[in-house]
C-alpha atoms as a PDB file:
ATOM      1  CA  MET A   1     193.915 -34.041 183.003  1.00  0.00           C
ATOM      2  CA  ASN A   2     194.773 -31.299 185.462  1.00  0.00           C
ATOM      3  CA  PRO A   3     197.536 -28.932 184.348  1.00  0.00           C
ATOM      4  CA  PRO A   4     200.715 -29.492 186.356  1.00  0.00           C
ATOM      5  CA  GLN A   5     202.136 -26.836 188.606  1.00  0.00           C
ATOM      6  CA  ASP A   6     205.400 -26.198 186.801  1.00  0.00           C
ATOM      7  CA  ALA A   7     207.106 -26.259 183.430  1.00  0.00           C
ATOM      8  CA  LYS A   8     209.289 -29.288 184.171  1.00  0.00           C
ATOM      9  CA  GLU A   9     206.271 -31.388 185.121  1.00  0.00           C
ATOM     10  CA  THR A  10     204.498 -30.350 181.908  1.00  0.00           C
ATOM     11  CA  VAL A  11     207.455 -31.292 179.703  1.00  0.00           C
ATOM     12  CA  MET A  12     208.166 -34.552 181.495  1.00  0.00           C
ATOM     13  CA  SER A  13     204.482 -35.559 181.264  1.00  0.00           C
ATOM     14  CA  TYR A  14     204.564 -34.813 177.531  1.00  0.00           C
ATOM     15  CA  LEU A  15     207.751 -36.837 177.016  1.00  0.00           C
ATOM     16  CA  LYS A  16     206.406 -39.724 179.097  1.00  0.00           C
ATOM     17  CA  ALA A  17     203.306 -39.832 176.883  1.00  0.00           C
ATOM     18  CA  LEU A  18     205.474 -39.845 173.735  1.00  0.00           C
ATOM     19  CA  ASP A  19     207.761 -42.498 175.197  1.00  0.00           C
ATOM     20  CA  ASN A  20     204.697 -44.654 175.913  1.00  0.00           C
ATOM     21  CA  GLN A  21     203.459 -43.969 172.358  1.00  0.00           C
ATOM     22  CA  ASP A  22     200.314 -42.406 173.840  1.00  0.00           C
ATOM     23  CA  TYR A  23     200.118 -39.696 171.192  1.00  0.00           C
ATOM     24  CA  ASP A  24     196.626 -38.502 172.118  1.00  0.00           C
ATOM     25  CA  SER A  25     197.829 -37.724 175.647  1.00  0.00           C
ATOM     26  CA  ALA A  26     201.011 -36.109 174.310  1.00  0.00           C
ATOM     27  CA  ARG A  27     198.901 -33.824 172.097  1.00  0.00           C
ATOM     28  CA  LYS A  28     197.041 -32.530 175.167  1.00  0.00           C
ATOM     29  CA  TRP A  29     200.276 -31.041 176.543  1.00  0.00           C
ATOM     30  CA  LEU A  30     200.827 -28.937 173.395  1.00  0.00           C
ATOM     31  CA  GLY A  31     199.303 -25.487 173.030  1.00  0.00           C
ATOM     32  CA  ASP A  32     197.022 -25.033 170.030  1.00  0.00           C
ATOM     33  CA  ASN A  33     199.481 -22.527 168.532  1.00  0.00           C
ATOM     34  CA  VAL A  34     202.694 -24.405 169.398  1.00  0.00           C
ATOM     35  CA  LEU A  35     205.680 -23.710 167.163  1.00  0.00           C
ATOM     36  CA  VAL A  36     208.061 -26.645 166.744  1.00  0.00           C
ATOM     37  CA  LYS A  37     211.387 -25.832 165.061  1.00  0.00           C
ATOM     38  CA  GLY A  38     214.045 -28.281 163.907  1.00  0.00           C
ATOM     39  CA  PRO A  39     217.771 -27.929 163.274  1.00  0.00           C
ATOM     40  CA  ALA A  40     217.508 -26.777 159.646  1.00  0.00           C
ATOM     41  CA  GLY A  41     214.839 -24.157 160.296  1.00  0.00           C
ATOM     42  CA  GLU A  42     211.963 -26.457 159.375  1.00  0.00           C
ATOM     43  CA  ALA A  43     208.880 -25.871 161.476  1.00  0.00           C
ATOM     44  CA  PHE A  44     205.542 -27.327 162.426  1.00  0.00           C
ATOM     45  CA  ARG A  45     202.881 -24.756 163.210  1.00  0.00           C
ATOM     46  CA  SER A  46     200.146 -27.283 163.959  1.00  0.00           C
ATOM     47  CA  PRO A  47     200.308 -29.558 166.990  1.00  0.00           C
ATOM     48  CA  ASP A  48     198.321 -32.191 165.100  1.00  0.00           C
ATOM     49  CA  GLU A  49     200.817 -32.238 162.200  1.00  0.00           C
ATOM     50  CA  PHE A  50     203.693 -32.567 164.657  1.00  0.00           C
ATOM     51  CA  ILE A  51     202.032 -35.417 166.559  1.00  0.00           C
ATOM     52  CA  SER A  52     201.299 -37.142 163.248  1.00  0.00           C
ATOM     53  CA  MET A  53     205.026 -37.038 162.428  1.00  0.00           C
ATOM     54  CA  MET A  54     205.889 -38.355 165.895  1.00  0.00           C
ATOM     55  CA  ARG A  55     203.468 -41.272 165.403  1.00  0.00           C
ATOM     56  CA  GLN A  56     205.474 -42.245 162.318  1.00  0.00           C
ATOM     57  CA  GLN A  57     208.821 -42.043 164.163  1.00  0.00           C
ATOM     58  CA  ARG A  58     207.619 -44.149 167.122  1.00  0.00           C
ATOM     59  CA  GLY A  59     210.713 -43.143 169.082  1.00  0.00           C
ATOM     60  CA  LYS A  60     211.719 -43.777 172.658  1.00  0.00           C
ATOM     61  CA  TYR A  61     213.436 -41.284 174.959  1.00  0.00           C
ATOM     62  CA  ASP A  62     216.564 -41.977 177.000  1.00  0.00           C
ATOM     63  CA  ILE A  63     216.764 -38.747 178.991  1.00  0.00           C
ATOM     64  CA  LYS A  64     220.262 -37.761 180.084  1.00  0.00           C
ATOM     65  CA  LYS A  65     219.716 -34.362 181.744  1.00  0.00           C
ATOM     66  CA  VAL A  66     216.985 -31.763 182.341  1.00  0.00           C
ATOM     67  CA  PHE A  67     217.633 -28.061 182.969  1.00  0.00           C
ATOM     68  CA  VAL A  68     214.899 -25.688 184.149  1.00  0.00           C
ATOM     69  CA  ASP A  69     214.770 -21.890 184.218  1.00  0.00           C
ATOM     70  CA  ALA A  70     211.287 -20.650 185.130  1.00  0.00           C
ATOM     71  CA  ASP A  71     209.049 -21.575 182.148  1.00  0.00           C
ATOM     72  CA  ASP A  72     211.961 -22.815 180.022  1.00  0.00           C
ATOM     73  CA  VAL A  73     212.993 -26.472 180.085  1.00  0.00           C
ATOM     74  CA  CYS A  74     215.946 -27.966 178.211  1.00  0.00           C
ATOM     75  CA  VAL A  75     216.138 -31.746 177.826  1.00  0.00           C
ATOM     76  CA  LEU A  76     219.207 -33.643 176.618  1.00  0.00           C
ATOM     77  CA  TYR A  77     218.355 -37.154 175.428  1.00  0.00           C
ATOM     78  CA  ASP A  78     218.932 -39.978 173.017  1.00  0.00           C
ATOM     79  CA  PHE A  79     216.002 -40.420 170.634  1.00  0.00           C
ATOM     80  CA  ILE A  80     215.805 -44.102 169.778  1.00  0.00           C
ATOM     81  CA  THR A  81     213.939 -45.586 166.830  1.00  0.00           C
ATOM     82  CA  LYS A  82     214.089 -49.099 165.408  1.00  0.00           C
ATOM     83  CA  THR A  83     216.834 -48.042 162.996  1.00  0.00           C
ATOM     84  CA  VAL A  84     218.708 -45.121 164.574  1.00  0.00           C
ATOM     85  CA  THR A  85     219.713 -43.587 167.904  1.00  0.00           C
ATOM     86  CA  THR A  86     220.527 -39.876 167.809  1.00  0.00           C
ATOM     87  CA  PHE A  87     221.422 -37.367 170.536  1.00  0.00           C
ATOM     88  CA  PHE A  88     218.958 -34.464 170.807  1.00  0.00           C
ATOM     89  CA  SER A  89     218.675 -31.238 172.755  1.00  0.00           C
ATOM     90  CA  SER A  90     215.195 -29.734 172.972  1.00  0.00           C
ATOM     91  CA  TRP A  91     214.252 -26.379 174.479  1.00  0.00           C
ATOM     92  CA  TYR A  92     210.616 -26.195 175.602  1.00  0.00           C
ATOM     93  CA  LYS A  93     208.759 -23.021 176.523  1.00  0.00           C
ATOM     94  CA  VAL A  94     205.702 -23.565 178.732  1.00  0.00           C
ATOM     95  CA  LYS A  95     202.806 -21.246 179.493  1.00  0.00           C
ATOM     96  CA  ASP A  96     199.741 -22.067 181.600  1.00  0.00           C
ATOM     97  CA  GLY A  97     200.562 -25.788 181.672  1.00  0.00           C
ATOM     98  CA  LYS A  98     200.960 -26.093 177.880  1.00  0.00           C
ATOM     99  CA  ILE A  99     204.055 -26.306 175.706  1.00  0.00           C
ATOM    100  CA  ILE A 100     203.994 -23.243 173.428  1.00  0.00           C
ATOM    101  CA  SER A 101     207.290 -23.792 171.593  1.00  0.00           C
ATOM    102  CA  ILE A 102     209.905 -26.468 171.028  1.00  0.00           C
ATOM    103  CA  GLN A 103     213.323 -25.811 169.483  1.00  0.00           C
ATOM    104  CA  THR A 104     215.243 -29.024 168.813  1.00  0.00           C
ATOM    105  CA  VAL A 105     218.871 -29.458 167.815  1.00  0.00           C
ATOM    106  CA  PHE A 106     220.265 -32.745 166.507  1.00  0.00           C
ATOM    107  CA  ASP A 107     222.322 -34.111 163.638  1.00  0.00           C
ATOM    108  CA  PRO A 108     219.728 -34.814 160.918  1.00  0.00           C
ATOM    109  CA  ARG A 109     222.146 -36.946 158.871  1.00  0.00           C
ATOM    110  CA  ALA A 110     221.100 -40.086 160.775  1.00  0.00           C
ATOM    111  CA  PHE A 111     217.488 -39.577 159.687  1.00  0.00           C
ATOM    112  CA  ALA A 112     218.515 -38.716 156.126  1.00  0.00           C
ATOM    113  CA  ALA A 113     220.409 -42.023 155.933  1.00  0.00           C
ATOM    114  CA  MET A 114     217.341 -43.792 157.310  1.00  0.00           C
ATOM    115  CA  GLN A 115     215.173 -42.230 154.566  1.00  0.00           C
ATOM    116  CA  GLU A 116     217.659 -43.289 151.880  1.00  0.00           C
ATOM    117  CA  LYS A 117     217.358 -46.928 153.000  1.00  0.00           C
ATOM    118  CA  LYS A 118     213.592 -46.930 152.453  1.00  0.00           C
END
């Protein structure tokens, strides 16, 4: 895998891998020290822990809009699982062809309701 030339290409390659449920490829786009933060301040500090969680979600991405400012990429999308569809906004910071941070905003109540049904 050759690193892409710009931040948007890095993020879109990562999301394509996740959308295809190719989690090993998705992991390659994450920096070893990536920080992933959610809407309630929860955080993953290990790319492997984050990818493990994504494997469990098995979501698909319906991308609505992408904004780029140098090494910052913001993606607006619906995250679709078998039981819930929720609108997300994720801000990705990219350095040297790797995602070094992800800050995601969404309404976590849909996932809380999903957990209650289990």
